[in-house]
Amino acid sequence: MGIYIRNAEMSDARAISELMLPLTRKYVCPTCDASVHDILLDSMSEKNIEKYLSANSSSASYDYVVAVTAHDEVVGVAGIRDNSHLYHLFVNDDFQGKGLSRQLWRAVKEKALANGNGGLFTVNSAVNAEGVYLRFGFKRTAGIRNRQGMVDIPMVLALDGRPTV
């Protein structure tokens, strides 16, 4: 496949945003109320991705990895917030179904564990992405919820000390 995973850099902010925005429009927005589309998309703007990538962005800390081609084209991204919450996981349509989301998840999970996470992870899954997270071992903590128009499924993964993916 010629894809490798590396830590995201500030210079990747535009490419990350350009990857996430059309995928969010295609897969996430249709499952949420129209009233939150602009808020959701704005959270993935280049400016906001730069904030996530900066060391002192806010009270929350973020860690991102990207999947890149041999030509350094960003085709996947995963971001974890506060060393425990899978915040973003996106793979370009042309590269889906090849295990890339699992590789991205594994990379941010291993970094979080190395940084002191005790083995507990959460994610707010898009309705149509639940199957991916179930395959990673996440379990629902509640049903589909609608929080002021944002529709998702809260999930958790508790590792038992064994390296699992």
N, C-alpha and C. Protein backbone atom coordinates (compact mmCIF):
# COMPACT_ATOMS: atom_id res chain seq x y z
N MET A 1 0.83 -1.20 0.00
CA MET A 1 0.00 0.00 0.00
C MET A 1 0.87 1.25 0.00
N GLY A 2 2.10 1.18 0.51
CA GLY A 2 2.98 2.34 0.50
C GLY A 2 2.55 3.45 1.44
N ILE A 3 1.89 3.09 2.54
CA ILE A 3 1.39 4.07 3.51
C ILE A 3 2.18 3.89 4.80
N TYR A 4 2.52 4.99 5.43
CA TYR A 4 3.13 4.89 6.75
C TYR A 4 2.48 5.89 7.69
N ILE A 5 2.59 5.60 8.98
CA ILE A 5 1.99 6.42 10.03
C ILE A 5 3.11 7.22 10.69
N ARG A 6 2.85 8.51 10.89
CA ARG A 6 3.82 9.35 11.59
C ARG A 6 3.06 10.35 12.46
N ASN A 7 3.78 10.97 13.39
CA ASN A 7 3.19 12.02 14.20
C ASN A 7 2.79 13.17 13.30
N ALA A 8 1.64 13.75 13.57
CA ALA A 8 1.19 14.91 12.81
C ALA A 8 2.04 16.12 13.20
N GLU A 9 2.26 16.98 12.22
CA GLU A 9 3.02 18.21 12.43
C GLU A 9 2.13 19.40 12.12
N MET A 10 2.51 20.56 12.61
CA MET A 10 1.72 21.77 12.36
C MET A 10 1.50 21.98 10.86
N SER A 11 2.49 21.64 10.07
CA SER A 11 2.38 21.82 8.62
C SER A 11 1.34 20.89 7.99
N ASP A 12 0.83 19.93 8.75
CA ASP A 12 -0.21 19.01 8.25
C ASP A 12 -1.62 19.55 8.47
N ALA A 13 -1.76 20.67 9.17
CA ALA A 13 -3.10 21.14 9.56
C ALA A 13 -4.03 21.30 8.37
N ARG A 14 -3.57 21.91 7.30
CA ARG A 14 -4.43 22.11 6.13
C ARG A 14 -4.84 20.77 5.52
N ALA A 15 -3.88 19.87 5.34
CA ALA A 15 -4.18 18.57 4.74
C ALA A 15 -5.14 17.76 5.62
N ILE A 16 -4.97 17.84 6.94
CA ILE A 16 -5.88 17.13 7.85
C ILE A 16 -7.29 17.69 7.70
N SER A 17 -7.40 19.01 7.72
CA SER A 17 -8.71 19.64 7.57
C SER A 17 -9.34 19.27 6.22
N GLU A 18 -8.54 19.31 5.16
CA GLU A 18 -9.06 19.00 3.82
C GLU A 18 -9.46 17.53 3.69
N LEU A 19 -8.88 16.67 4.50
CA LEU A 19 -9.29 15.26 4.53
C LEU A 19 -10.60 15.11 5.30
N MET A 20 -10.67 15.73 6.48
CA MET A 20 -11.81 15.52 7.36
C MET A 20 -13.09 16.19 6.88
N LEU A 21 -13.00 17.38 6.33
CA LEU A 21 -14.22 18.13 5.99
C LEU A 21 -15.13 17.40 4.99
N PRO A 22 -14.64 16.95 3.84
CA PRO A 22 -15.56 16.26 2.93
C PRO A 22 -16.08 14.93 3.49
N LEU A 23 -15.26 14.23 4.27
CA LEU A 23 -15.72 12.98 4.87
C LEU A 23 -16.80 13.25 5.91
N THR A 24 -16.66 14.33 6.65
CA THR A 24 -17.67 14.71 7.64
C THR A 24 -18.97 15.10 6.95
N ARG A 25 -18.85 15.88 5.86
CA ARG A 25 -20.05 16.25 5.11
C ARG A 25 -20.77 15.01 4.58
N LYS A 26 -20.01 14.04 4.11
CA LYS A 26 -20.57 12.84 3.49
C LYS A 26 -21.14 11.85 4.51
N TYR A 27 -20.42 11.63 5.61
CA TYR A 27 -20.79 10.54 6.52
C TYR A 27 -21.41 10.99 7.85
N VAL A 28 -21.00 12.13 8.38
CA VAL A 28 -21.45 12.52 9.71
C VAL A 28 -22.62 13.49 9.65
N CYS A 29 -22.50 14.51 8.82
CA CYS A 29 -23.57 15.52 8.77
C CYS A 29 -24.95 14.93 8.48
N PRO A 30 -25.08 13.96 7.58
CA PRO A 30 -26.43 13.42 7.33
C PRO A 30 -27.07 12.76 8.55
N THR A 31 -26.27 12.38 9.55
CA THR A 31 -26.84 11.74 10.74
C THR A 31 -27.12 12.74 11.85
N CYS A 32 -26.74 14.00 11.66
CA CYS A 32 -26.93 15.04 12.67
C CYS A 32 -27.93 16.07 12.18
N ASP A 33 -28.48 16.85 13.12
CA ASP A 33 -29.39 17.92 12.76
C ASP A 33 -28.64 18.99 11.96
N ALA A 34 -29.31 19.57 10.98
CA ALA A 34 -28.70 20.62 10.15
C ALA A 34 -28.20 21.78 11.00
N SER A 35 -28.82 22.00 12.15
CA SER A 35 -28.44 23.12 13.01
C SER A 35 -27.01 23.03 13.53
N VAL A 36 -26.41 21.84 13.52
CA VAL A 36 -25.05 21.69 14.05
C VAL A 36 -24.00 21.49 12.97
N HIS A 37 -24.41 21.43 11.71
CA HIS A 37 -23.44 21.18 10.64
C HIS A 37 -22.31 22.21 10.64
N ASP A 38 -22.64 23.49 10.69
CA ASP A 38 -21.60 24.52 10.63
C ASP A 38 -20.67 24.45 11.84
N ILE A 39 -21.22 24.18 13.01
CA ILE A 39 -20.40 24.06 14.22
C ILE A 39 -19.44 22.87 14.08
N LEU A 40 -19.97 21.77 13.63
CA LEU A 40 -19.17 20.56 13.46
C LEU A 40 -18.05 20.78 12.44
N LEU A 41 -18.41 21.34 11.29
CA LEU A 41 -17.42 21.57 10.24
C LEU A 41 -16.38 22.60 10.67
N ASP A 42 -16.81 23.64 11.38
CA ASP A 42 -15.87 24.65 11.84
C ASP A 42 -14.85 24.05 12.81
N SER A 43 -15.28 23.05 13.60
CA SER A 43 -14.35 22.43 14.55
C SER A 43 -13.22 21.71 13.83
N MET A 44 -13.38 21.47 12.53
CA MET A 44 -12.38 20.77 11.73
C MET A 44 -11.68 21.69 10.74
N SER A 45 -11.85 22.99 10.93
CA SER A 45 -11.18 23.97 10.05
C SER A 45 -9.67 23.89 10.26
N GLU A 46 -8.94 24.39 9.28
CA GLU A 46 -7.49 24.41 9.41
C GLU A 46 -7.06 25.14 10.68
N LYS A 47 -7.72 26.24 10.97
CA LYS A 47 -7.40 27.03 12.17
C LYS A 47 -7.58 26.20 13.44
N ASN A 48 -8.67 25.46 13.52
CA ASN A 48 -8.91 24.64 14.71
C ASN A 48 -7.99 23.44 14.77
N ILE A 49 -7.67 22.84 13.64
CA ILE A 49 -6.71 21.74 13.64
C ILE A 49 -5.35 22.25 14.13
N GLU A 50 -4.97 23.45 13.73
CA GLU A 50 -3.73 24.04 14.23
C GLU A 50 -3.76 24.18 15.75
N LYS A 51 -4.91 24.56 16.29
CA LYS A 51 -5.04 24.66 17.76
C LYS A 51 -4.84 23.29 18.40
N TYR A 52 -5.45 22.24 17.82
CA TYR A 52 -5.30 20.90 18.38
C TYR A 52 -3.83 20.45 18.33
N LEU A 53 -3.15 20.83 17.25
CA LEU A 53 -1.76 20.40 17.07
C LEU A 53 -0.77 21.20 17.90
N SER A 54 -1.17 22.38 18.37
CA SER A 54 -0.25 23.19 19.16
C SER A 54 -0.18 22.66 20.58
N ALA A 55 0.98 22.76 21.16
CA ALA A 55 1.21 22.16 22.48
C ALA A 55 0.34 22.79 23.57
N ASN A 56 0.07 24.07 23.46
CA ASN A 56 -0.68 24.77 24.51
C ASN A 56 -1.99 25.31 23.96
N SER A 57 -2.76 24.44 23.30
CA SER A 57 -3.97 24.90 22.62
C SER A 57 -5.07 25.32 23.58
N SER A 58 -5.21 24.61 24.68
CA SER A 58 -6.30 24.89 25.63
C SER A 58 -6.07 24.05 26.87
N SER A 59 -7.09 23.93 27.67
CA SER A 59 -6.96 23.09 28.86
C SER A 59 -6.89 21.61 28.47
N ALA A 60 -7.37 21.26 27.29
CA ALA A 60 -7.31 19.88 26.82
C ALA A 60 -6.03 19.69 26.01
N SER A 61 -5.50 18.47 26.05
CA SER A 61 -4.33 18.16 25.24
C SER A 61 -4.74 17.19 24.14
N TYR A 62 -4.12 17.33 22.99
CA TYR A 62 -4.44 16.51 21.83
C TYR A 62 -3.15 15.92 21.28
N ASP A 63 -3.25 14.72 20.73
CA ASP A 63 -2.12 14.07 20.09
C ASP A 63 -2.64 13.45 18.79
N TYR A 64 -2.02 13.80 17.68
CA TYR A 64 -2.48 13.34 16.37
C TYR A 64 -1.40 12.58 15.64
N VAL A 65 -1.83 11.59 14.88
CA VAL A 65 -0.98 10.89 13.92
C VAL A 65 -1.66 10.96 12.57
N VAL A 66 -0.85 10.87 11.52
CA VAL A 66 -1.39 10.86 10.16
C VAL A 66 -0.86 9.65 9.40
N ALA A 67 -1.65 9.19 8.46
CA ALA A 67 -1.23 8.18 7.51
C ALA A 67 -0.91 8.91 6.22
N VAL A 68 0.28 8.68 5.71
CA VAL A 68 0.71 9.40 4.51
C VAL A 68 1.23 8.43 3.46
N THR A 69 1.07 8.84 2.21
CA THR A 69 1.60 8.06 1.10
C THR A 69 3.09 8.35 0.94
N ALA A 70 3.72 7.64 0.03
CA ALA A 70 5.14 7.87 -0.25
C ALA A 70 5.38 9.31 -0.73
N HIS A 71 4.34 9.95 -1.25
CA HIS A 71 4.44 11.34 -1.71
C HIS A 71 4.00 12.32 -0.64
N ASP A 72 3.90 11.85 0.61
CA ASP A 72 3.53 12.65 1.78
C ASP A 72 2.12 13.23 1.69
N GLU A 73 1.23 12.54 0.98
CA GLU A 73 -0.18 12.94 0.94
C GLU A 73 -0.87 12.34 2.16
N VAL A 74 -1.55 13.18 2.93
CA VAL A 74 -2.27 12.71 4.11
C VAL A 74 -3.56 12.01 3.66
N VAL A 75 -3.67 10.71 3.99
CA VAL A 75 -4.84 9.93 3.59
C VAL A 75 -5.60 9.39 4.80
N GLY A 76 -5.11 9.68 5.99
CA GLY A 76 -5.78 9.25 7.20
C GLY A 76 -5.27 10.05 8.38
N VAL A 77 -6.11 10.16 9.41
CA VAL A 77 -5.73 10.90 10.61
C VAL A 77 -6.45 10.31 11.82
N ALA A 78 -5.75 10.31 12.94
CA ALA A 78 -6.37 9.94 14.21
C ALA A 78 -5.87 10.92 15.25
N GLY A 79 -6.79 11.36 16.10
CA GLY A 79 -6.43 12.27 17.17
C GLY A 79 -7.05 11.81 18.47
N ILE A 80 -6.29 11.93 19.54
CA ILE A 80 -6.77 11.55 20.86
C ILE A 80 -6.70 12.77 21.77
N ARG A 81 -7.75 12.96 22.57
CA ARG A 81 -7.82 14.10 23.48
C ARG A 81 -7.60 13.61 24.90
N ASP A 82 -6.82 14.38 25.65
CA ASP A 82 -6.57 14.09 27.07
C ASP A 82 -6.10 12.66 27.29
N ASN A 83 -5.36 12.14 26.32
CA ASN A 83 -4.71 10.83 26.45
C ASN A 83 -5.69 9.66 26.58
N SER A 84 -7.01 9.92 26.32
CA SER A 84 -7.95 8.83 26.53
C SER A 84 -9.19 8.84 25.63
N HIS A 85 -9.49 9.96 25.01
CA HIS A 85 -10.72 10.06 24.21
C HIS A 85 -10.36 10.13 22.73
N LEU A 86 -10.75 9.11 21.98
CA LEU A 86 -10.50 9.12 20.53
C LEU A 86 -11.38 10.20 19.92
N TYR A 87 -10.75 11.28 19.53
CA TYR A 87 -11.45 12.51 19.13
C TYR A 87 -11.74 12.53 17.63
N HIS A 88 -10.78 12.12 16.83
CA HIS A 88 -10.94 12.07 15.37
C HIS A 88 -10.34 10.78 14.84
N LEU A 89 -11.01 10.19 13.86
CA LEU A 89 -10.47 9.05 13.11
C LEU A 89 -11.11 9.09 11.73
N PHE A 90 -10.31 9.45 10.74
CA PHE A 90 -10.79 9.59 9.37
C PHE A 90 -9.81 8.96 8.40
N VAL A 91 -10.35 8.28 7.40
CA VAL A 91 -9.54 7.68 6.34
C VAL A 91 -10.19 8.04 5.01
N ASN A 92 -9.37 8.50 4.08
CA ASN A 92 -9.81 8.83 2.72
C ASN A 92 -10.57 7.64 2.14
N ASP A 93 -11.68 7.91 1.46
CA ASP A 93 -12.51 6.86 0.88
C ASP A 93 -11.70 5.85 0.06
N ASP A 94 -10.72 6.32 -0.71
CA ASP A 94 -9.93 5.44 -1.57
C ASP A 94 -9.05 4.47 -0.78
N PHE A 95 -8.87 4.73 0.50
CA PHE A 95 -7.98 3.90 1.32
C PHE A 95 -8.74 3.14 2.41
N GLN A 96 -10.06 3.23 2.41
CA GLN A 96 -10.87 2.52 3.41
C GLN A 96 -10.91 1.03 3.08
N GLY A 97 -11.13 0.23 4.11
CA GLY A 97 -11.25 -1.21 3.92
C GLY A 97 -9.93 -1.93 3.81
N LYS A 98 -8.82 -1.25 4.12
CA LYS A 98 -7.49 -1.84 4.01
C LYS A 98 -6.76 -1.90 5.35
N GLY A 99 -7.51 -1.68 6.44
CA GLY A 99 -6.91 -1.76 7.76
C GLY A 99 -6.24 -0.49 8.23
N LEU A 100 -6.39 0.59 7.49
CA LEU A 100 -5.71 1.83 7.84
C LEU A 100 -6.29 2.46 9.11
N SER A 101 -7.60 2.41 9.30
CA SER A 101 -8.17 2.98 10.53
C SER A 101 -7.66 2.22 11.75
N ARG A 102 -7.51 0.92 11.62
CA ARG A 102 -6.98 0.11 12.72
C ARG A 102 -5.53 0.50 13.02
N GLN A 103 -4.73 0.73 11.98
CA GLN A 103 -3.34 1.14 12.19
C GLN A 103 -3.26 2.51 12.87
N LEU A 104 -4.12 3.43 12.44
CA LEU A 104 -4.15 4.76 13.06
C LEU A 104 -4.58 4.66 14.52
N TRP A 105 -5.63 3.89 14.79
CA TRP A 105 -6.10 3.70 16.15
C TRP A 105 -4.99 3.09 17.01
N ARG A 106 -4.34 2.06 16.49
CA ARG A 106 -3.25 1.41 17.22
C ARG A 106 -2.16 2.42 17.57
N ALA A 107 -1.81 3.29 16.64
CA ALA A 107 -0.75 4.27 16.87
C ALA A 107 -1.10 5.25 17.98
N VAL A 108 -2.32 5.82 17.95
CA VAL A 108 -2.67 6.78 19.02
C VAL A 108 -2.91 6.06 20.35
N LYS A 109 -3.43 4.83 20.29
CA LYS A 109 -3.64 4.07 21.51
C LYS A 109 -2.30 3.75 22.18
N GLU A 110 -1.33 3.30 21.40
CA GLU A 110 -0.02 2.97 21.96
C GLU A 110 0.67 4.20 22.54
N LYS A 111 0.52 5.35 21.86
CA LYS A 111 1.09 6.59 22.40
C LYS A 111 0.44 6.95 23.72
N ALA A 112 -0.88 6.82 23.80
CA ALA A 112 -1.60 7.14 25.04
C ALA A 112 -1.17 6.21 26.17
N LEU A 113 -1.04 4.93 25.88
CA LEU A 113 -0.61 3.98 26.91
C LEU A 113 0.81 4.31 27.36
N ALA A 114 1.69 4.66 26.43
CA ALA A 114 3.07 5.03 26.78
C ALA A 114 3.10 6.31 27.61
N ASN A 115 2.08 7.17 27.42
CA ASN A 115 2.01 8.44 28.14
C ASN A 115 1.23 8.34 29.44
N GLY A 116 0.92 7.11 29.88
CA GLY A 116 0.32 6.93 31.19
C GLY A 116 -1.14 6.52 31.22
N ASN A 117 -1.80 6.38 30.07
CA ASN A 117 -3.18 5.91 30.09
C ASN A 117 -3.20 4.51 30.68
N GLY A 118 -4.10 4.28 31.61
CA GLY A 118 -4.18 2.99 32.29
C GLY A 118 -4.96 1.92 31.55
N GLY A 119 -5.45 2.23 30.36
CA GLY A 119 -6.16 1.22 29.57
C GLY A 119 -7.64 1.51 29.38
N LEU A 120 -8.07 2.74 29.64
CA LEU A 120 -9.47 3.10 29.45
C LEU A 120 -9.57 4.17 28.37
N PHE A 121 -10.36 3.89 27.33
CA PHE A 121 -10.54 4.81 26.21
C PHE A 121 -12.02 5.02 25.94
N THR A 122 -12.36 6.20 25.46
CA THR A 122 -13.73 6.51 25.08
C THR A 122 -13.75 7.06 23.66
N VAL A 123 -14.92 6.99 23.04
CA VAL A 123 -15.15 7.59 21.73
C VAL A 123 -16.63 7.91 21.62
N ASN A 124 -16.96 8.99 20.95
CA ASN A 124 -18.34 9.30 20.59
C ASN A 124 -18.47 8.98 19.11
N SER A 125 -18.95 7.80 18.82
CA SER A 125 -18.99 7.29 17.46
C SER A 125 -20.10 7.95 16.64
N ALA A 126 -19.78 8.28 15.40
CA ALA A 126 -20.83 8.62 14.45
C ALA A 126 -21.71 7.38 14.31
N VAL A 127 -22.98 7.58 14.04
CA VAL A 127 -23.91 6.46 13.96
C VAL A 127 -23.44 5.41 12.96
N ASN A 128 -22.95 5.85 11.82
CA ASN A 128 -22.56 4.89 10.77
C ASN A 128 -21.13 4.39 10.93
N ALA A 129 -20.42 4.77 11.99
CA ALA A 129 -19.06 4.28 12.23
C ALA A 129 -19.00 3.29 13.39
N GLU A 130 -20.12 3.00 14.01
CA GLU A 130 -20.12 2.14 15.19
C GLU A 130 -19.44 0.80 14.92
N GLY A 131 -19.67 0.21 13.78
CA GLY A 131 -19.09 -1.09 13.45
C GLY A 131 -17.57 -1.10 13.52
N VAL A 132 -16.95 -0.02 13.11
CA VAL A 132 -15.49 0.08 13.16
C VAL A 132 -15.03 0.00 14.61
N TYR A 133 -15.67 0.78 15.47
CA TYR A 133 -15.26 0.81 16.88
C TYR A 133 -15.57 -0.50 17.59
N LEU A 134 -16.67 -1.15 17.22
CA LEU A 134 -16.97 -2.46 17.79
C LEU A 134 -15.86 -3.44 17.44
N ARG A 135 -15.35 -3.38 16.21
CA ARG A 135 -14.25 -4.27 15.81
C ARG A 135 -12.96 -3.97 16.56
N PHE A 136 -12.79 -2.74 17.03
CA PHE A 136 -11.62 -2.38 17.84
C PHE A 136 -11.79 -2.83 19.29
N GLY A 137 -13.00 -3.26 19.66
CA GLY A 137 -13.25 -3.71 21.02
C GLY A 137 -14.05 -2.74 21.87
N PHE A 138 -14.44 -1.60 21.33
CA PHE A 138 -15.27 -0.65 22.08
C PHE A 138 -16.66 -1.24 22.28
N LYS A 139 -17.31 -0.82 23.36
CA LYS A 139 -18.69 -1.23 23.66
C LYS A 139 -19.52 0.03 23.92
N ARG A 140 -20.78 -0.03 23.55
CA ARG A 140 -21.70 1.09 23.83
C ARG A 140 -21.83 1.30 25.34
N THR A 141 -21.86 2.57 25.74
CA THR A 141 -22.19 2.87 27.13
C THR A 141 -23.62 3.38 27.23
N ALA A 142 -24.20 3.70 26.09
CA ALA A 142 -25.59 4.16 26.01
C ALA A 142 -26.04 3.98 24.57
N GLY A 143 -27.31 4.22 24.33
CA GLY A 143 -27.81 4.14 22.97
C GLY A 143 -27.46 5.38 22.18
N ILE A 144 -28.02 5.48 21.00
CA ILE A 144 -27.82 6.67 20.17
C ILE A 144 -28.38 7.86 20.93
N ARG A 145 -27.58 8.90 21.01
CA ARG A 145 -28.03 10.10 21.74
C ARG A 145 -27.99 11.30 20.81
N ASN A 146 -28.85 12.25 21.14
CA ASN A 146 -28.92 13.51 20.40
C ASN A 146 -28.71 14.63 21.40
N ARG A 147 -27.53 15.24 21.34
CA ARG A 147 -27.19 16.34 22.24
C ARG A 147 -27.24 17.63 21.44
N GLN A 148 -28.36 18.33 21.55
CA GLN A 148 -28.57 19.60 20.85
C GLN A 148 -28.27 19.48 19.36
N GLY A 149 -28.70 18.36 18.78
CA GLY A 149 -28.55 18.16 17.35
C GLY A 149 -27.36 17.31 16.95
N MET A 150 -26.39 17.14 17.85
CA MET A 150 -25.23 16.30 17.57
C MET A 150 -25.60 14.87 17.95
N VAL A 151 -25.64 14.00 16.96
CA VAL A 151 -26.08 12.63 17.18
C VAL A 151 -24.85 11.71 17.17
N ASP A 152 -24.71 10.91 18.22
CA ASP A 152 -23.58 10.00 18.30
C ASP A 152 -23.90 8.83 19.22
N ILE A 153 -22.92 7.95 19.37
CA ILE A 153 -23.05 6.79 20.25
C ILE A 153 -21.83 6.79 21.18
N PRO A 154 -22.04 7.01 22.48
CA PRO A 154 -20.91 6.97 23.41
C PRO A 154 -20.44 5.52 23.60
N MET A 155 -19.13 5.34 23.53
CA MET A 155 -18.55 3.99 23.64
C MET A 155 -17.31 4.04 24.52
N VAL A 156 -16.95 2.87 25.06
CA VAL A 156 -15.77 2.76 25.92
C VAL A 156 -15.02 1.47 25.58
N LEU A 157 -13.71 1.52 25.79
CA LEU A 157 -12.86 0.35 25.66
C LEU A 157 -12.00 0.27 26.91
N ALA A 158 -12.10 -0.85 27.62
CA ALA A 158 -11.28 -1.08 28.80
C ALA A 158 -10.34 -2.25 28.49
N LEU A 159 -9.06 -1.94 28.43
CA LEU A 159 -8.06 -2.98 28.17
C LEU A 159 -7.77 -3.73 29.45
N ASP A 160 -7.42 -4.98 29.33
CA ASP A 160 -7.14 -5.80 30.51
C ASP A 160 -5.63 -5.99 30.71
N GLY A 161 -4.84 -5.12 30.13
CA GLY A 161 -3.40 -5.23 30.28
C GLY A 161 -2.72 -5.95 29.13
N ARG A 162 -3.49 -6.68 28.33
CA ARG A 162 -2.91 -7.35 27.17
C ARG A 162 -2.92 -6.40 25.99
N PRO A 163 -1.90 -6.44 25.15
CA PRO A 163 -1.93 -5.58 23.95
C PRO A 163 -2.99 -6.11 22.99
N THR A 164 -4.05 -5.33 22.81
CA THR A 164 -5.14 -5.73 21.91
C THR A 164 -5.43 -4.60 20.96
N VAL A 165 -5.92 -4.96 19.82
CA VAL A 165 -6.36 -3.95 18.83
C VAL A 165 -7.59 -4.47 18.15
